[in-house]
Amino acid sequence: MAAEYWFNLDTNTVEEGDGSNKAHLMGPYPTYEAAAHALEQAHANTERWDAEDEADELER
């Protein structure tokens, strides 16, 4: 099985495998690099979704 990586919200570190409480983890991610950028990606997704929601509201 391929390694899975998680971003720990308590420690702001990347973890490999099933070590910590999943309630404090984001993931899984396929690579260490992807997990390391989890918060940046989450922020970008939120910005994109907010813009889409705003556009939908303007169309109504």
Protein backbone atom coordinates (compact mmCIF):
# COMPACT_ATOMS: atom_id res chain seq x y z
CA MET A 1 0.00 0.00 0.00
CA ALA A 2 1.25 3.48 -0.84
CA ALA A 3 2.20 5.81 1.97
CA GLU A 4 -0.39 8.32 3.12
CA TYR A 5 0.52 11.70 4.55
CA TRP A 6 -1.50 13.85 6.92
CA PHE A 7 -1.21 17.46 8.08
CA ASN A 8 -1.50 17.76 11.87
CA LEU A 9 -3.41 20.90 12.80
CA ASP A 10 -2.13 20.82 16.40
CA THR A 11 1.56 20.64 15.58
CA ASN A 12 1.53 22.11 12.05
CA THR A 13 3.62 19.20 10.85
CA VAL A 14 3.27 16.47 8.26
CA GLU A 15 2.85 12.91 9.52
CA GLU A 16 3.09 9.64 7.66
CA GLY A 17 0.68 6.81 8.36
CA ASP A 18 -1.89 6.34 11.11
CA GLY A 19 -0.21 7.89 14.12
CA SER A 20 -2.33 10.71 15.54
CA ASN A 21 -5.95 11.34 16.36
CA LYS A 22 -7.71 11.84 13.02
CA ALA A 23 -9.80 14.66 14.50
CA HIS A 24 -6.68 16.86 14.33
CA LEU A 25 -5.51 15.80 10.88
CA MET A 26 -6.18 16.93 7.32
CA GLY A 27 -5.78 14.31 4.64
CA PRO A 28 -4.82 11.84 3.55
CA TYR A 29 -2.55 13.24 0.86
CA PRO A 30 -0.58 11.18 -1.65
CA THR A 31 2.73 12.97 -1.04
CA TYR A 32 4.59 14.74 1.75
CA GLU A 33 4.63 17.91 -0.37
CA ALA A 34 0.85 17.90 -0.84
CA ALA A 35 0.32 17.47 2.90
CA ALA A 36 2.80 20.25 3.66
CA HIS A 37 0.63 22.63 1.61
CA ALA A 38 -2.69 21.47 3.07
CA LEU A 39 -3.57 24.78 4.71
CA GLU A 40 -2.65 26.77 1.62
CA GLN A 41 -4.80 24.50 -0.54
CA ALA A 42 -7.71 24.71 1.91
CA HIS A 43 -7.48 28.51 1.85
CA ALA A 44 -7.38 28.56 -1.96
CA ASN A 45 -10.40 26.24 -2.12
CA THR A 46 -12.34 28.44 0.30
CA GLU A 47 -11.55 31.56 -1.72
CA ARG A 48 -12.64 29.84 -4.95
CA TRP A 49 -15.86 28.52 -3.42
CA ASP A 50 -16.69 31.92 -1.92
CA ALA A 51 -16.21 33.53 -5.34
CA GLU A 52 -18.43 30.89 -6.96
CA ASP A 53 -21.11 31.46 -4.31
CA GLU A 54 -20.96 35.21 -4.87
CA ALA A 55 -21.26 34.74 -8.64
CA ASP A 56 -24.27 32.46 -8.13
CA GLU A 57 -25.93 35.09 -5.91
CA LEU A 58 -25.39 37.78 -8.55
CA GLU A 59 -27.07 35.60 -11.19
CA ARG A 60 -30.26 35.34 -9.17
